[in-house]
Amino acid sequence: MLLGGSSSERDVSLASGFRMTDALRARGHVVRVIDPASDATEAELRQAAQVKRAPPSREHLARLPKNFVRLADLKADVVFLGLHGGQGEDGTIQALLDAFGLRYTGSGHLSSALAMDKDLSKTLFRAAGVSTADWLMAPATADVVEKTLGWPVVVKPSKEGSTVGLSVVKAAKDLAPAIEEACRYDDEVIIERFIPGRELTVAVLGDVALPVGEIFPKHEIYDYECKYTVGMAHEEFPAKLAPDVAAHVQDQAVKAFRALKLSGCARIDFRLDASNVPYCLEANTLPGMTGTSLVPQAAEAAGISFEELCDRIAHLARGR
């Protein structure tokens, strides 16, 4: 199990990784825990495995080394990726594992890179017939944004997850500070038309869409705090949707999954507008598996326990 890492989603990765480790061990797997950004023992990492209300600071992350070369000597039937964001999810570690001849969970290096880059993934969604909101890439003036997209807009790092660095901008005066905040986490910033409506998510396991879920966050958007703080959001699986709408959202999720050539387990997020049009927000190739995460809830709604879910993900990788 690779967990931790040096991205802004390190805390989420620790929480997800240890939950999956325990589930895999309960299914009889022998699991060794490795943090590619530290030499800490499993016991030391477990002490640090608590999700905070804000992502780790840049200063904290800068102190973490990137000693991925240790993986060259790794011996494993399957490398289970519990990493989130950064080089753990953008194709970097996947490419290294490919070079070392190791099987691993989730998508390959090219698919991982495409899904992490929201600009490229949205272009591929459109080509595959998946609805997605109009967008621009920064730099863009407030006048251009207003004429092209209108207000409000969502400003976020193009290659981050967990809504890290994301802002909803409702007026021209707030655009520049939002872009500056997003630039703290990435060298590219995407500006996307805000879609009012319902927050939906679909987990795809293998090539099969699990039940659609709906998220009800305490905040205006499903942000970092709502995602990882108990009580800051509640979810319904399956979502209360007309059967034809639910089937269409699932179909869009599978199309998005295939458009990026994903594999294993991924989560596809949507906004459903008042006309029941689902707009794909992004694909998550290594979705969270914490106690508040969405994919385990989708699996449960499909009659799949968390232990079985982790077991299936491992076997999908082994059969690749």
C-alpha atoms as a PDB file:
ATOM      1  CA  MET A   1       0.000   0.000   0.000  1.00  0.00           C
ATOM      2  CA  LEU A   2       1.467   3.335  -1.091  1.00  0.00           C
ATOM      3  CA  LEU A   3       0.018   6.179   0.967  1.00  0.00           C
ATOM      4  CA  GLY A   4       0.895   9.635   2.234  1.00  0.00           C
ATOM      5  CA  GLY A   5       3.047  11.237  -0.442  1.00  0.00           C
ATOM      6  CA  SER A   6       3.904  14.900  -0.812  1.00  0.00           C
ATOM      7  CA  SER A   7       0.769  16.391  -2.368  1.00  0.00           C
ATOM      8  CA  SER A   8      -1.721  18.746  -0.755  1.00  0.00           C
ATOM      9  CA  GLU A   9      -3.982  15.692  -0.316  1.00  0.00           C
ATOM     10  CA  ARG A  10      -1.493  13.882   1.948  1.00  0.00           C
ATOM     11  CA  ASP A  11      -3.826  13.768   4.951  1.00  0.00           C
ATOM     12  CA  VAL A  12      -6.640  12.308   2.866  1.00  0.00           C
ATOM     13  CA  SER A  13      -4.259   9.707   1.471  1.00  0.00           C
ATOM     14  CA  LEU A  14      -3.190   8.578   4.936  1.00  0.00           C
ATOM     15  CA  ALA A  15      -6.795   8.191   6.054  1.00  0.00           C
ATOM     16  CA  SER A  16      -7.817   6.364   2.869  1.00  0.00           C
ATOM     17  CA  GLY A  17      -4.720   4.205   2.753  1.00  0.00           C
ATOM     18  CA  PHE A  18      -4.984   2.820   6.248  1.00  0.00           C
ATOM     19  CA  ARG A  19      -8.698   2.133   5.882  1.00  0.00           C
ATOM     20  CA  MET A  20      -7.973   0.137   2.711  1.00  0.00           C
ATOM     21  CA  THR A  21      -4.997  -1.590   4.355  1.00  0.00           C
ATOM     22  CA  ASP A  22      -7.196  -2.863   7.164  1.00  0.00           C
ATOM     23  CA  ALA A  23      -9.880  -3.995   4.708  1.00  0.00           C
ATOM     24  CA  LEU A  24      -7.379  -5.893   2.548  1.00  0.00           C
ATOM     25  CA  ARG A  25      -5.840  -7.598   5.561  1.00  0.00           C
ATOM     26  CA  ALA A  26      -9.316  -8.632   6.673  1.00  0.00           C
ATOM     27  CA  ARG A  27      -9.694 -10.352   3.273  1.00  0.00           C
ATOM     28  CA  GLY A  28      -6.470 -12.288   3.814  1.00  0.00           C
ATOM     29  CA  HIS A  29      -4.037 -10.141   1.832  1.00  0.00           C
ATOM     30  CA  VAL A  30      -0.527  -9.514   3.132  1.00  0.00           C
ATOM     31  CA  VAL A  31      -0.073  -5.741   3.015  1.00  0.00           C
ATOM     32  CA  ARG A  32       3.102  -3.717   3.494  1.00  0.00           C
ATOM     33  CA  VAL A  33       2.666   0.026   4.013  1.00  0.00           C
ATOM     34  CA  ILE A  34       5.057   2.488   2.333  1.00  0.00           C
ATOM     35  CA  ASP A  35       5.034   6.280   2.284  1.00  0.00           C
ATOM     36  CA  PRO A  36       7.116   7.396  -0.721  1.00  0.00           C
ATOM     37  CA  ALA A  37       7.704  10.760   0.976  1.00  0.00           C
ATOM     38  CA  SER A  38       9.119   9.482   4.287  1.00  0.00           C
ATOM     39  CA  ASP A  39      10.874   6.586   5.998  1.00  0.00           C
ATOM     40  CA  ALA A  40       8.298   6.516   8.795  1.00  0.00           C
ATOM     41  CA  THR A  41       7.101   3.199  10.147  1.00  0.00           C
ATOM     42  CA  GLU A  42       3.511   2.073   9.805  1.00  0.00           C
ATOM     43  CA  ALA A  43       2.908   2.839  13.482  1.00  0.00           C
ATOM     44  CA  GLU A  44       4.289   6.374  13.074  1.00  0.00           C
ATOM     45  CA  LEU A  45       2.181   6.973   9.970  1.00  0.00           C
ATOM     46  CA  ARG A  46      -0.952   5.714  11.703  1.00  0.00           C
ATOM     47  CA  GLN A  47      -0.426   8.311  14.418  1.00  0.00           C
ATOM     48  CA  ALA A  48      -0.370  11.001  11.725  1.00  0.00           C
ATOM     49  CA  ALA A  49      -3.384   9.609   9.856  1.00  0.00           C
ATOM     50  CA  GLN A  50      -6.001  12.151  10.718  1.00  0.00           C
ATOM     51  CA  VAL A  51      -7.786  14.279   8.144  1.00  0.00           C
ATOM     52  CA  LYS A  52      -7.610  17.990   8.945  1.00  0.00           C
ATOM     53  CA  ARG A  53      -9.994  20.741   7.912  1.00  0.00           C
ATOM     54  CA  ALA A  54      -7.426  22.307   5.615  1.00  0.00           C
ATOM     55  CA  PRO A  55      -4.800  20.764   3.323  1.00  0.00           C
ATOM     56  CA  PRO A  56      -1.194  20.651   4.572  1.00  0.00           C
ATOM     57  CA  SER A  57       0.731  23.878   4.186  1.00  0.00           C
ATOM     58  CA  ARG A  58       3.174  24.370   1.335  1.00  0.00           C
ATOM     59  CA  GLU A  59       5.957  24.692   3.912  1.00  0.00           C
ATOM     60  CA  HIS A  60       5.077  21.314   5.404  1.00  0.00           C
ATOM     61  CA  LEU A  61       4.918  19.660   2.007  1.00  0.00           C
ATOM     62  CA  ALA A  62       8.255  21.169   0.961  1.00  0.00           C
ATOM     63  CA  ARG A  63       9.948  19.311   3.801  1.00  0.00           C
ATOM     64  CA  LEU A  64       8.793  15.951   2.464  1.00  0.00           C
ATOM     65  CA  PRO A  65      11.339  14.218   0.201  1.00  0.00           C
ATOM     66  CA  LYS A  66      10.368  12.464  -3.014  1.00  0.00           C
ATOM     67  CA  ASN A  67      12.273   9.204  -2.768  1.00  0.00           C
ATOM     68  CA  PHE A  68      10.228   7.267  -5.321  1.00  0.00           C
ATOM     69  CA  VAL A  69      13.403   5.468  -6.421  1.00  0.00           C
ATOM     70  CA  ARG A  70      12.894   3.144  -3.434  1.00  0.00           C
ATOM     71  CA  LEU A  71      10.115   1.513  -5.430  1.00  0.00           C
ATOM     72  CA  ALA A  72      12.649  -0.050  -7.787  1.00  0.00           C
ATOM     73  CA  ASP A  73      13.351  -2.763  -5.202  1.00  0.00           C
ATOM     74  CA  LEU A  74       9.691  -3.346  -4.343  1.00  0.00           C
ATOM     75  CA  LYS A  75       8.412  -6.911  -4.602  1.00  0.00           C
ATOM     76  CA  ALA A  76       4.633  -7.209  -4.734  1.00  0.00           C
ATOM     77  CA  ASP A  77       1.880  -8.983  -6.652  1.00  0.00           C
ATOM     78  CA  VAL A  78      -0.007  -5.681  -6.774  1.00  0.00           C
ATOM     79  CA  VAL A  79       0.936  -2.188  -5.650  1.00  0.00           C
ATOM     80  CA  PHE A  80      -2.237  -0.757  -4.142  1.00  0.00           C
ATOM     81  CA  LEU A  81      -2.242   3.002  -4.647  1.00  0.00           C
ATOM     82  CA  GLY A  82      -3.694   4.905  -1.722  1.00  0.00           C
ATOM     83  CA  LEU A  83      -2.075   8.137  -2.893  1.00  0.00           C
ATOM     84  CA  HIS A  84      -4.103  11.213  -3.840  1.00  0.00           C
ATOM     85  CA  GLY A  85      -3.139  14.195  -5.961  1.00  0.00           C
ATOM     86  CA  GLY A  86       0.262  15.395  -7.097  1.00  0.00           C
ATOM     87  CA  GLN A  87       2.792  12.880  -8.364  1.00  0.00           C
ATOM     88  CA  GLY A  88       0.808  10.048  -6.825  1.00  0.00           C
ATOM     89  CA  GLU A  89      -2.145  10.595  -9.152  1.00  0.00           C
ATOM     90  CA  ASP A  90      -0.862  12.558 -12.145  1.00  0.00           C
ATOM     91  CA  GLY A  91       0.834   9.618 -13.885  1.00  0.00           C
ATOM     92  CA  THR A  92       4.311  10.092 -12.410  1.00  0.00           C
ATOM     93  CA  ILE A  93       4.284   7.165 -10.011  1.00  0.00           C
ATOM     94  CA  GLN A  94       2.287   5.089 -12.493  1.00  0.00           C
ATOM     95  CA  ALA A  95       5.031   5.584 -15.105  1.00  0.00           C
ATOM     96  CA  LEU A  96       7.688   4.536 -12.578  1.00  0.00           C
ATOM     97  CA  LEU A  97       5.751   1.409 -11.661  1.00  0.00           C
ATOM     98  CA  ASP A  98       5.367   0.607 -15.359  1.00  0.00           C
ATOM     99  CA  ALA A  99       9.122   0.965 -15.801  1.00  0.00           C
ATOM    100  CA  PHE A 100       9.732  -1.342 -12.833  1.00  0.00           C
ATOM    101  CA  GLY A 101       7.314  -3.924 -14.248  1.00  0.00           C
ATOM    102  CA  LEU A 102       4.898  -3.743 -11.312  1.00  0.00           C
ATOM    103  CA  ARG A 103       1.117  -4.113 -11.456  1.00  0.00           C
ATOM    104  CA  TYR A 104      -0.810  -1.384  -9.655  1.00  0.00           C
ATOM    105  CA  THR A 105      -4.362  -0.323  -8.942  1.00  0.00           C
ATOM    106  CA  GLY A 106      -6.150   2.427 -10.813  1.00  0.00           C
ATOM    107  CA  SER A 107      -5.423   3.817 -14.253  1.00  0.00           C
ATOM    108  CA  GLY A 108      -2.234   3.833 -16.303  1.00  0.00           C
ATOM    109  CA  HIS A 109       0.185   6.726 -16.523  1.00  0.00           C
ATOM    110  CA  LEU A 110      -1.328   8.385 -19.608  1.00  0.00           C
ATOM    111  CA  SER A 111      -4.917   8.088 -18.367  1.00  0.00           C
ATOM    112  CA  SER A 112      -3.915   9.379 -14.939  1.00  0.00           C
ATOM    113  CA  ALA A 113      -2.217  12.411 -16.477  1.00  0.00           C
ATOM    114  CA  LEU A 114      -5.209  13.168 -18.706  1.00  0.00           C
ATOM    115  CA  ALA A 115      -7.691  12.928 -15.844  1.00  0.00           C
ATOM    116  CA  MET A 116      -5.576  15.140 -13.596  1.00  0.00           C
ATOM    117  CA  ASP A 117      -5.396  17.869 -16.258  1.00  0.00           C
ATOM    118  CA  LYS A 118      -8.905  19.356 -16.232  1.00  0.00           C
ATOM    119  CA  ASP A 119      -8.362  21.328 -19.434  1.00  0.00           C
ATOM    120  CA  LEU A 120      -7.408  18.229 -21.432  1.00  0.00           C
ATOM    121  CA  SER A 121      -9.995  15.978 -19.802  1.00  0.00           C
ATOM    122  CA  LYS A 122     -12.830  18.428 -20.534  1.00  0.00           C
ATOM    123  CA  THR A 123     -11.720  18.570 -24.177  1.00  0.00           C
ATOM    124  CA  LEU A 124     -11.891  14.766 -24.369  1.00  0.00           C
ATOM    125  CA  PHE A 125     -15.261  14.722 -22.593  1.00  0.00           C
ATOM    126  CA  ARG A 126     -16.720  17.007 -25.245  1.00  0.00           C
ATOM    127  CA  ALA A 127     -15.299  14.851 -28.039  1.00  0.00           C
ATOM    128  CA  ALA A 128     -16.950  11.778 -26.482  1.00  0.00           C
ATOM    129  CA  GLY A 129     -20.363  13.403 -26.129  1.00  0.00           C
ATOM    130  CA  VAL A 130     -20.098  14.086 -22.397  1.00  0.00           C
ATOM    131  CA  SER A 131     -21.564  17.444 -21.334  1.00  0.00           C
ATOM    132  CA  THR A 132     -19.181  19.729 -19.451  1.00  0.00           C
ATOM    133  CA  ALA A 133     -19.331  23.404 -18.541  1.00  0.00           C
ATOM    134  CA  ASP A 134     -17.680  26.044 -20.744  1.00  0.00           C
ATOM    135  CA  TRP A 135     -14.251  27.121 -19.537  1.00  0.00           C
ATOM    136  CA  LEU A 136     -11.217  29.339 -20.066  1.00  0.00           C
ATOM    137  CA  MET A 137      -7.634  28.987 -18.943  1.00  0.00           C
ATOM    138  CA  ALA A 138      -5.930  31.780 -17.010  1.00  0.00           C
ATOM    139  CA  PRO A 139      -4.681  34.374 -17.650  1.00  0.00           C
ATOM    140  CA  ALA A 140      -7.997  35.919 -18.596  1.00  0.00           C
ATOM    141  CA  THR A 141      -9.306  39.384 -17.811  1.00  0.00           C
ATOM    142  CA  ALA A 142     -12.533  39.928 -15.916  1.00  0.00           C
ATOM    143  CA  ASP A 143     -14.045  41.447 -19.082  1.00  0.00           C
ATOM    144  CA  VAL A 144     -13.266  38.316 -21.114  1.00  0.00           C
ATOM    145  CA  VAL A 145     -14.600  36.050 -18.377  1.00  0.00           C
ATOM    146  CA  GLU A 146     -17.815  38.068 -18.088  1.00  0.00           C
ATOM    147  CA  LYS A 147     -18.420  38.074 -21.862  1.00  0.00           C
ATOM    148  CA  THR A 148     -17.506  34.416 -22.367  1.00  0.00           C
ATOM    149  CA  LEU A 149     -18.767  32.678 -19.237  1.00  0.00           C
ATOM    150  CA  GLY A 150     -20.699  35.194 -17.151  1.00  0.00           C
ATOM    151  CA  TRP A 151     -20.772  35.257 -13.367  1.00  0.00           C
ATOM    152  CA  PRO A 152     -20.381  33.298 -11.217  1.00  0.00           C
ATOM    153  CA  VAL A 153     -17.426  31.156 -12.233  1.00  0.00           C
ATOM    154  CA  VAL A 154     -15.372  28.489 -10.517  1.00  0.00           C
ATOM    155  CA  VAL A 155     -11.628  29.154 -10.367  1.00  0.00           C
ATOM    156  CA  LYS A 156      -9.395  26.212  -9.473  1.00  0.00           C
ATOM    157  CA  PRO A 157      -5.996  24.640 -10.115  1.00  0.00           C
ATOM    158  CA  SER A 158      -6.115  22.675 -13.332  1.00  0.00           C
ATOM    159  CA  LYS A 159      -4.222  19.701 -11.905  1.00  0.00           C
ATOM    160  CA  GLU A 160      -5.381  19.356  -8.293  1.00  0.00           C
ATOM    161  CA  GLY A 161      -8.096  17.453  -6.462  1.00  0.00           C
ATOM    162  CA  SER A 162     -10.261  17.621  -3.331  1.00  0.00           C
ATOM    163  CA  THR A 163     -11.260  21.208  -4.285  1.00  0.00           C
ATOM    164  CA  VAL A 164      -7.881  22.418  -2.992  1.00  0.00           C
ATOM    165  CA  GLY A 165      -7.357  26.049  -4.051  1.00  0.00           C
ATOM    166  CA  LEU A 166     -10.898  26.352  -5.450  1.00  0.00           C
ATOM    167  CA  SER A 167     -13.006  29.527  -5.297  1.00  0.00           C
ATOM    168  CA  VAL A 168     -16.463  30.501  -6.506  1.00  0.00           C
ATOM    169  CA  VAL A 169     -16.150  34.003  -7.993  1.00  0.00           C
ATOM    170  CA  LYS A 170     -19.308  36.087  -8.244  1.00  0.00           C
ATOM    171  CA  ALA A 171     -17.887  39.479  -9.179  1.00  0.00           C
ATOM    172  CA  ALA A 172     -15.074  40.835 -11.332  1.00  0.00           C
ATOM    173  CA  LYS A 173     -13.179  42.274  -8.356  1.00  0.00           C
ATOM    174  CA  ASP A 174     -12.712  38.789  -6.870  1.00  0.00           C
ATOM    175  CA  LEU A 175     -11.272  37.133  -9.975  1.00  0.00           C
ATOM    176  CA  ALA A 176      -7.604  38.093  -9.551  1.00  0.00           C
ATOM    177  CA  PRO A 177      -7.380  36.999  -5.865  1.00  0.00           C
ATOM    178  CA  ALA A 178      -9.015  33.672  -6.757  1.00  0.00           C
ATOM    179  CA  ILE A 179      -6.523  33.056  -9.569  1.00  0.00           C
ATOM    180  CA  GLU A 180      -3.690  33.947  -7.205  1.00  0.00           C
ATOM    181  CA  GLU A 181      -4.983  31.438  -4.634  1.00  0.00           C
ATOM    182  CA  ALA A 182      -5.256  28.681  -7.249  1.00  0.00           C
ATOM    183  CA  CYS A 183      -1.714  29.467  -8.451  1.00  0.00           C
ATOM    184  CA  ARG A 184      -0.433  28.470  -5.007  1.00  0.00           C
ATOM    185  CA  TYR A 185      -1.153  24.860  -5.960  1.00  0.00           C
ATOM    186  CA  ASP A 186      -0.566  24.650  -9.706  1.00  0.00           C
ATOM    187  CA  ASP A 187       1.064  26.418 -12.627  1.00  0.00           C
ATOM    188  CA  GLU A 188      -2.184  26.303 -14.611  1.00  0.00           C
ATOM    189  CA  VAL A 189      -5.553  27.658 -13.510  1.00  0.00           C
ATOM    190  CA  ILE A 190      -8.933  26.863 -15.038  1.00  0.00           C
ATOM    191  CA  ILE A 191     -11.910  29.239 -14.999  1.00  0.00           C
ATOM    192  CA  GLU A 192     -15.186  27.379 -15.457  1.00  0.00           C
ATOM    193  CA  ARG A 193     -18.792  28.486 -15.762  1.00  0.00           C
ATOM    194  CA  PHE A 194     -20.599  27.746 -12.509  1.00  0.00           C
ATOM    195  CA  ILE A 195     -23.463  25.294 -12.956  1.00  0.00           C
ATOM    196  CA  PRO A 196     -26.203  25.775 -10.351  1.00  0.00           C
ATOM    197  CA  GLY A 197     -27.962  22.565  -9.478  1.00  0.00           C
ATOM    198  CA  ARG A 198     -27.590  19.230  -7.751  1.00  0.00           C
ATOM    199  CA  GLU A 199     -24.218  17.690  -6.856  1.00  0.00           C
ATOM    200  CA  LEU A 200     -24.030  14.124  -8.206  1.00  0.00           C
ATOM    201  CA  THR A 201     -21.331  11.486  -8.324  1.00  0.00           C
ATOM    202  CA  VAL A 202     -20.934   8.111 -10.005  1.00  0.00           C
ATOM    203  CA  ALA A 203     -18.339   5.478  -9.167  1.00  0.00           C
ATOM    204  CA  VAL A 204     -17.248   3.262 -12.049  1.00  0.00           C
ATOM    205  CA  LEU A 205     -15.804  -0.120 -11.065  1.00  0.00           C
ATOM    206  CA  GLY A 206     -14.165  -1.929 -13.928  1.00  0.00           C
ATOM    207  CA  ASP A 207     -16.456  -0.709 -16.675  1.00  0.00           C
ATOM    208  CA  VAL A 208     -19.695  -0.726 -14.686  1.00  0.00           C
ATOM    209  CA  ALA A 209     -21.378   2.342 -13.181  1.00  0.00           C
ATOM    210  CA  LEU A 210     -22.473   1.963  -9.557  1.00  0.00           C
ATOM    211  CA  PRO A 211     -25.610   3.735  -8.249  1.00  0.00           C
ATOM    212  CA  VAL A 212     -25.677   7.523  -8.630  1.00  0.00           C
ATOM    213  CA  GLY A 213     -25.171   9.429  -5.391  1.00  0.00           C
ATOM    214  CA  GLU A 214     -26.240  12.948  -4.440  1.00  0.00           C
ATOM    215  CA  ILE A 215     -24.261  15.182  -2.087  1.00  0.00           C
ATOM    216  CA  PHE A 216     -25.759  17.826   0.179  1.00  0.00           C
ATOM    217  CA  PRO A 217     -22.865  19.966   1.498  1.00  0.00           C
ATOM    218  CA  LYS A 218     -23.228  22.492   4.291  1.00  0.00           C
ATOM    219  CA  HIS A 219     -21.326  25.024   2.188  1.00  0.00           C
ATOM    220  CA  GLU A 220     -22.246  26.400  -1.229  1.00  0.00           C
ATOM    221  CA  ILE A 221     -19.943  23.863  -2.850  1.00  0.00           C
ATOM    222  CA  TYR A 222     -18.626  20.471  -1.840  1.00  0.00           C
ATOM    223  CA  ASP A 223     -15.287  21.835  -0.613  1.00  0.00           C
ATOM    224  CA  TYR A 224     -12.368  20.280   1.312  1.00  0.00           C
ATOM    225  CA  GLU A 225     -13.983  20.790   4.718  1.00  0.00           C
ATOM    226  CA  CYS A 226     -17.310  19.317   3.604  1.00  0.00           C
ATOM    227  CA  LYS A 227     -15.588  16.332   2.018  1.00  0.00           C
ATOM    228  CA  TYR A 228     -13.478  15.312   4.968  1.00  0.00           C
ATOM    229  CA  THR A 229     -15.192  16.610   8.109  1.00  0.00           C
ATOM    230  CA  VAL A 230     -17.899  14.448   9.631  1.00  0.00           C
ATOM    231  CA  GLY A 231     -21.231  16.258   9.663  1.00  0.00           C
ATOM    232  CA  MET A 232     -20.333  18.858   7.009  1.00  0.00           C
ATOM    233  CA  ALA A 233     -22.228  17.023   4.275  1.00  0.00           C
ATOM    234  CA  HIS A 234     -24.639  14.173   3.883  1.00  0.00           C
ATOM    235  CA  GLU A 235     -25.115  11.891   0.922  1.00  0.00           C
ATOM    236  CA  GLU A 236     -27.890   9.795  -0.545  1.00  0.00           C
ATOM    237  CA  PHE A 237     -27.144   6.557  -2.377  1.00  0.00           C
ATOM    238  CA  PRO A 238     -28.951   5.972  -4.607  1.00  0.00           C
ATOM    239  CA  ALA A 239     -29.922   9.547  -5.422  1.00  0.00           C
ATOM    240  CA  LYS A 240     -33.610  10.364  -5.721  1.00  0.00           C
ATOM    241  CA  LEU A 241     -33.723  10.664  -9.499  1.00  0.00           C
ATOM    242  CA  ALA A 242     -36.170   9.540 -12.141  1.00  0.00           C
ATOM    243  CA  PRO A 243     -34.958   6.203 -13.561  1.00  0.00           C
ATOM    244  CA  ASP A 244     -34.239   7.673 -17.000  1.00  0.00           C
ATOM    245  CA  VAL A 245     -32.223  10.553 -15.492  1.00  0.00           C
ATOM    246  CA  ALA A 246     -30.195   8.196 -13.295  1.00  0.00           C
ATOM    247  CA  ALA A 247     -29.504   5.926 -16.282  1.00  0.00           C
ATOM    248  CA  HIS A 248     -28.379   8.913 -18.374  1.00  0.00           C
ATOM    249  CA  VAL A 249     -25.996  10.128 -15.649  1.00  0.00           C
ATOM    250  CA  GLN A 250     -24.526   6.620 -15.345  1.00  0.00           C
ATOM    251  CA  ASP A 251     -24.126   6.442 -19.127  1.00  0.00           C
ATOM    252  CA  GLN A 252     -22.329   9.799 -19.125  1.00  0.00           C
ATOM    253  CA  ALA A 253     -20.044   8.533 -16.358  1.00  0.00           C
ATOM    254  CA  VAL A 254     -19.076   5.422 -18.316  1.00  0.00           C
ATOM    255  CA  LYS A 255     -18.484   7.544 -21.442  1.00  0.00           C
ATOM    256  CA  ALA A 256     -16.206   9.854 -19.439  1.00  0.00           C
ATOM    257  CA  PHE A 257     -14.394   6.810 -17.991  1.00  0.00           C
ATOM    258  CA  ARG A 258     -13.804   5.431 -21.476  1.00  0.00           C
ATOM    259  CA  ALA A 259     -12.910   8.816 -22.994  1.00  0.00           C
ATOM    260  CA  LEU A 260      -9.909   9.050 -20.668  1.00  0.00           C
ATOM    261  CA  LYS A 261      -9.143   5.308 -21.047  1.00  0.00           C
ATOM    262  CA  LEU A 262      -9.453   4.813 -17.292  1.00  0.00           C
ATOM    263  CA  SER A 263      -9.301   1.457 -15.535  1.00  0.00           C
ATOM    264  CA  GLY A 264      -9.816  -0.008 -12.079  1.00  0.00           C
ATOM    265  CA  CYS A 265     -12.069   2.199  -9.992  1.00  0.00           C
ATOM    266  CA  ALA A 266     -12.722   5.890 -10.626  1.00  0.00           C
ATOM    267  CA  ARG A 267     -15.267   8.472  -9.525  1.00  0.00           C
ATOM    268  CA  ILE A 268     -16.924  10.829 -11.996  1.00  0.00           C
ATOM    269  CA  ASP A 269     -18.487  14.007 -10.574  1.00  0.00           C
ATOM    270  CA  PHE A 270     -21.371  15.983 -12.062  1.00  0.00           C
ATOM    271  CA  ARG A 271     -23.635  18.972 -11.575  1.00  0.00           C
ATOM    272  CA  LEU A 272     -27.230  18.361 -12.641  1.00  0.00           C
ATOM    273  CA  ASP A 273     -28.965  21.535 -13.819  1.00  0.00           C
ATOM    274  CA  ALA A 274     -32.669  22.392 -13.620  1.00  0.00           C
ATOM    275  CA  SER A 275     -33.273  20.756 -17.022  1.00  0.00           C
ATOM    276  CA  ASN A 276     -31.726  17.471 -15.789  1.00  0.00           C
ATOM    277  CA  VAL A 277     -28.625  17.926 -17.931  1.00  0.00           C
ATOM    278  CA  PRO A 278     -25.583  16.448 -16.138  1.00  0.00           C
ATOM    279  CA  TYR A 279     -22.391  18.480 -16.563  1.00  0.00           C
ATOM    280  CA  CYS A 280     -19.239  16.481 -15.898  1.00  0.00           C
ATOM    281  CA  LEU A 281     -16.887  18.289 -13.535  1.00  0.00           C
ATOM    282  CA  GLU A 282     -13.960  15.883 -13.401  1.00  0.00           C
ATOM    283  CA  ALA A 283     -12.784  12.299 -13.113  1.00  0.00           C
ATOM    284  CA  ASN A 284     -10.948  11.086 -10.013  1.00  0.00           C
ATOM    285  CA  THR A 285      -8.642   8.164 -10.793  1.00  0.00           C
ATOM    286  CA  LEU A 286      -7.737   7.437  -7.153  1.00  0.00           C
ATOM    287  CA  PRO A 287     -10.876   8.501  -5.281  1.00  0.00           C
ATOM    288  CA  GLY A 288     -10.947   8.928  -1.523  1.00  0.00           C
ATOM    289  CA  MET A 289     -11.726   5.898   0.625  1.00  0.00           C
ATOM    290  CA  THR A 290     -12.068   7.558   4.026  1.00  0.00           C
ATOM    291  CA  GLY A 291     -14.983   7.087   6.386  1.00  0.00           C
ATOM    292  CA  THR A 292     -16.817   9.992   4.717  1.00  0.00           C
ATOM    293  CA  SER A 293     -15.855   9.190   1.109  1.00  0.00           C
ATOM    294  CA  LEU A 294     -18.305   8.611  -1.724  1.00  0.00           C
ATOM    295  CA  VAL A 295     -17.115   5.494  -3.549  1.00  0.00           C
ATOM    296  CA  PRO A 296     -17.565   3.200  -0.514  1.00  0.00           C
ATOM    297  CA  GLN A 297     -21.119   4.512  -0.138  1.00  0.00           C
ATOM    298  CA  ALA A 298     -21.847   3.837  -3.816  1.00  0.00           C
ATOM    299  CA  ALA A 299     -20.473   0.318  -3.441  1.00  0.00           C
ATOM    300  CA  GLU A 300     -22.604  -0.298  -0.370  1.00  0.00           C
ATOM    301  CA  ALA A 301     -25.691   0.817  -2.297  1.00  0.00           C
ATOM    302  CA  ALA A 302     -24.783  -1.816  -4.896  1.00  0.00           C
ATOM    303  CA  GLY A 303     -24.475  -4.490  -2.199  1.00  0.00           C
ATOM    304  CA  ILE A 304     -20.665  -4.435  -2.126  1.00  0.00           C
ATOM    305  CA  SER A 305     -18.985  -4.207   1.291  1.00  0.00           C
ATOM    306  CA  PHE A 306     -15.896  -2.040   1.743  1.00  0.00           C
ATOM    307  CA  GLU A 307     -13.690  -5.102   2.157  1.00  0.00           C
ATOM    308  CA  GLU A 308     -15.072  -6.613  -1.037  1.00  0.00           C
ATOM    309  CA  LEU A 309     -14.628  -3.305  -2.874  1.00  0.00           C
ATOM    310  CA  CYS A 310     -10.928  -3.167  -1.982  1.00  0.00           C
ATOM    311  CA  ASP A 311     -10.537  -6.847  -2.898  1.00  0.00           C
ATOM    312  CA  ARG A 312     -12.149  -6.249  -6.307  1.00  0.00           C
ATOM    313  CA  ILE A 313      -9.886  -3.258  -6.994  1.00  0.00           C
ATOM    314  CA  ALA A 314      -6.835  -5.395  -6.212  1.00  0.00           C
ATOM    315  CA  HIS A 315      -8.012  -8.214  -8.486  1.00  0.00           C
ATOM    316  CA  LEU A 316      -8.755  -5.786 -11.321  1.00  0.00           C
ATOM    317  CA  ALA A 317      -5.113  -4.682 -11.125  1.00  0.00           C
ATOM    318  CA  ARG A 318      -3.814  -8.237 -10.922  1.00  0.00           C
ATOM    319  CA  GLY A 319      -5.735  -9.205 -14.050  1.00  0.00           C
ATOM    320  CA  ARG A 320      -4.516  -6.201 -16.054  1.00  0.00           C
END
